[in-house]
């Protein structure tokens, strides 16, 4: 259970940025729109019965002790999650703050991670994104409902 993996002292609290940025097919919730079940005052109203997409989502700020409060999604302006067993890092930027990842300490850290062998870092704001590297490359999402 994900809750057992959360470092002591961390919680979603009033964040919920994933509830805006991520699409949830089971709830017919498109990416980039606030989930009807989320409120800052109460969090997720359906947390105990939330769909599988929500249960398996891996907010890296929440799950990684090494990421301090500066990396909390509402502070940073983006949500970090991984794919491919951690070999791909996805930076989901809030479209209202699409360039916040370029601020420090974020940009230098993300670029350092992107330079690691066999690591891919993709930064998205909706469907448009960039693959960080020695030379950045523009990328677009092709997955239906991804934003």
Protein backbone atom coordinates (compact mmCIF):
# COMPACT_ATOMS: atom_id res chain seq x y z
CA UNK A 1 0.00 0.00 0.00
CA UNK A 2 1.37 3.41 -1.00
CA UNK A 3 0.49 4.95 2.38
CA UNK A 4 3.00 2.60 4.03
CA UNK A 5 5.76 3.98 1.78
CA UNK A 6 5.32 7.67 2.61
CA UNK A 7 8.20 9.09 4.67
CA UNK A 8 7.28 10.32 8.14
CA UNK A 9 6.15 13.95 8.16
CA UNK A 10 4.96 14.04 4.54
CA UNK A 11 1.36 14.10 3.40
CA UNK A 12 -0.64 15.43 0.50
CA UNK A 13 -2.31 17.92 2.82
CA UNK A 14 -3.92 20.67 0.77
CA UNK A 15 -1.75 20.00 -2.31
CA UNK A 16 -3.76 17.79 -4.66
CA UNK A 17 -1.99 19.15 -7.76
CA UNK A 18 -2.08 15.61 -9.17
CA UNK A 19 -5.88 15.89 -8.91
CA UNK A 20 -5.66 18.71 -11.45
CA UNK A 21 -2.87 17.62 -13.75
CA UNK A 22 -3.46 13.89 -14.17
CA UNK A 23 -6.25 12.36 -16.22
CA UNK A 24 -8.33 9.62 -14.57
CA UNK A 25 -10.24 7.48 -17.07
CA UNK A 26 -12.41 5.77 -14.43
CA UNK A 27 -13.70 9.17 -13.29
CA UNK A 28 -13.91 10.58 -16.83
CA UNK A 29 -11.60 13.32 -15.55
CA UNK A 30 -9.44 14.91 -18.24
CA UNK A 31 -5.87 15.95 -17.54
CA UNK A 32 -5.55 19.62 -16.68
CA UNK A 33 -8.96 19.93 -15.00
CA UNK A 34 -9.59 19.77 -11.25
CA UNK A 35 -11.18 16.52 -10.09
CA UNK A 36 -14.70 17.05 -8.81
CA UNK A 37 -13.84 14.96 -5.74
CA UNK A 38 -10.96 17.20 -4.56
CA UNK A 39 -11.15 20.23 -2.29
CA UNK A 40 -8.29 22.03 -0.55
CA UNK A 41 -10.20 21.94 2.72
CA UNK A 42 -11.03 18.24 2.63
CA UNK A 43 -8.65 16.57 0.18
CA UNK A 44 -10.07 13.66 -1.80
CA UNK A 45 -13.70 12.96 -0.94
CA UNK A 46 -13.45 9.43 -2.41
CA UNK A 47 -9.96 8.56 -1.11
CA UNK A 48 -10.99 5.22 0.43
CA UNK A 49 -12.73 4.11 -2.77
CA UNK A 50 -10.56 6.00 -5.31
CA UNK A 51 -9.97 4.28 -8.65
CA UNK A 52 -6.90 2.20 -9.45
CA UNK A 53 -5.32 5.01 -11.52
CA UNK A 54 -5.25 7.16 -8.39
CA UNK A 55 -4.11 4.32 -6.12
CA UNK A 56 -1.02 3.52 -8.20
CA UNK A 57 0.01 7.11 -8.93
CA UNK A 58 3.53 7.71 -7.59
CA UNK A 59 4.03 11.33 -6.52
CA UNK A 60 7.78 11.32 -6.06
CA UNK A 61 7.77 14.27 -3.68
CA UNK A 62 5.46 12.36 -1.39
CA UNK A 63 7.37 9.07 -1.68
CA UNK A 64 10.97 10.34 -1.69
CA UNK A 65 12.56 11.43 1.56
CA UNK A 66 15.37 13.24 -0.30
CA UNK A 67 12.93 15.72 -1.89
CA UNK A 68 12.33 18.50 0.62
CA UNK A 69 9.46 21.00 0.93
CA UNK A 70 10.76 23.01 -2.04
CA UNK A 71 9.75 20.05 -4.23
CA UNK A 72 6.18 19.83 -2.90
CA UNK A 73 4.03 20.16 -6.04
CA UNK A 74 2.14 23.26 -4.90
CA UNK A 75 5.46 24.97 -4.13
CA UNK A 76 7.36 23.75 -7.20
CA UNK A 77 4.50 24.18 -9.69
CA UNK A 78 4.80 20.63 -11.00
CA UNK A 79 4.28 17.00 -10.02
CA UNK A 80 7.06 14.43 -10.41
CA UNK A 81 6.29 10.81 -11.19
CA UNK A 82 8.17 7.96 -12.82
CA UNK A 83 7.66 5.31 -15.46
CA UNK A 84 9.68 2.38 -16.78
CA UNK A 85 10.73 1.28 -13.30
CA UNK A 86 12.17 4.69 -12.51
CA UNK A 87 14.17 5.02 -15.76
CA UNK A 88 11.85 7.78 -16.99
CA UNK A 89 11.05 10.82 -14.85
CA UNK A 90 7.98 12.81 -15.84
CA UNK A 91 7.64 16.43 -14.76
CA UNK A 92 3.94 17.40 -15.04
CA UNK A 93 3.92 21.20 -15.05
CA UNK A 94 0.86 23.15 -14.03
CA UNK A 95 -0.23 24.91 -17.25
CA UNK A 96 -0.77 28.02 -15.13
CA UNK A 97 2.97 27.85 -14.23
CA UNK A 98 4.55 26.06 -17.23
CA UNK A 99 8.09 27.39 -16.76
CA UNK A 100 8.48 26.91 -12.99
CA UNK A 101 10.69 23.86 -13.58
CA UNK A 102 13.29 26.27 -14.99
CA UNK A 103 13.75 27.93 -11.57
CA UNK A 104 16.46 26.74 -9.23
CA UNK A 105 17.06 24.31 -7.68
CA UNK A 106 14.76 22.51 -10.10
CA UNK A 107 16.37 23.03 -13.50
CA UNK A 108 19.93 22.12 -12.50
CA UNK A 109 18.73 19.08 -10.55
CA UNK A 110 16.47 17.85 -13.37
CA UNK A 111 19.29 18.31 -15.88
CA UNK A 112 21.71 16.41 -13.63
CA UNK A 113 19.20 13.55 -13.40
CA UNK A 114 18.72 13.64 -17.20
CA UNK A 115 22.49 13.27 -17.67
CA UNK A 116 22.57 10.04 -15.67
CA UNK A 117 23.12 6.88 -17.74
CA UNK A 118 19.90 5.27 -18.97
CA UNK A 119 17.73 8.02 -17.45
CA UNK A 120 15.16 10.03 -19.37
CA UNK A 121 13.58 13.24 -18.06
CA UNK A 122 10.48 14.59 -19.82
CA UNK A 123 8.92 17.92 -18.85
CA UNK A 124 5.29 18.46 -19.92
CA UNK A 125 2.77 21.27 -19.80
CA UNK A 126 -0.30 19.58 -21.26
CA UNK A 127 0.55 17.75 -24.50
CA UNK A 128 3.68 19.77 -25.26
CA UNK A 129 6.95 18.93 -23.65
CA UNK A 130 10.69 18.70 -23.79
CA UNK A 131 13.13 15.82 -23.31
CA UNK A 132 16.06 17.17 -21.34
CA UNK A 133 19.50 16.32 -22.63
CA UNK A 134 22.76 17.73 -23.96
CA UNK A 135 20.46 19.18 -26.62
CA UNK A 136 16.84 19.43 -25.50
CA UNK A 137 14.26 17.90 -27.85
CA UNK A 138 10.63 18.90 -28.22
CA UNK A 139 8.16 16.08 -27.58
CA UNK A 140 4.38 15.74 -27.75
CA UNK A 141 2.10 13.35 -25.95
CA UNK A 142 0.33 10.89 -28.17
CA UNK A 143 -1.64 9.02 -25.50
CA UNK A 144 -5.38 9.74 -25.72
CA UNK A 145 -6.63 11.63 -22.68
CA UNK A 146 -3.15 12.50 -21.42
CA UNK A 147 -3.69 16.22 -21.56
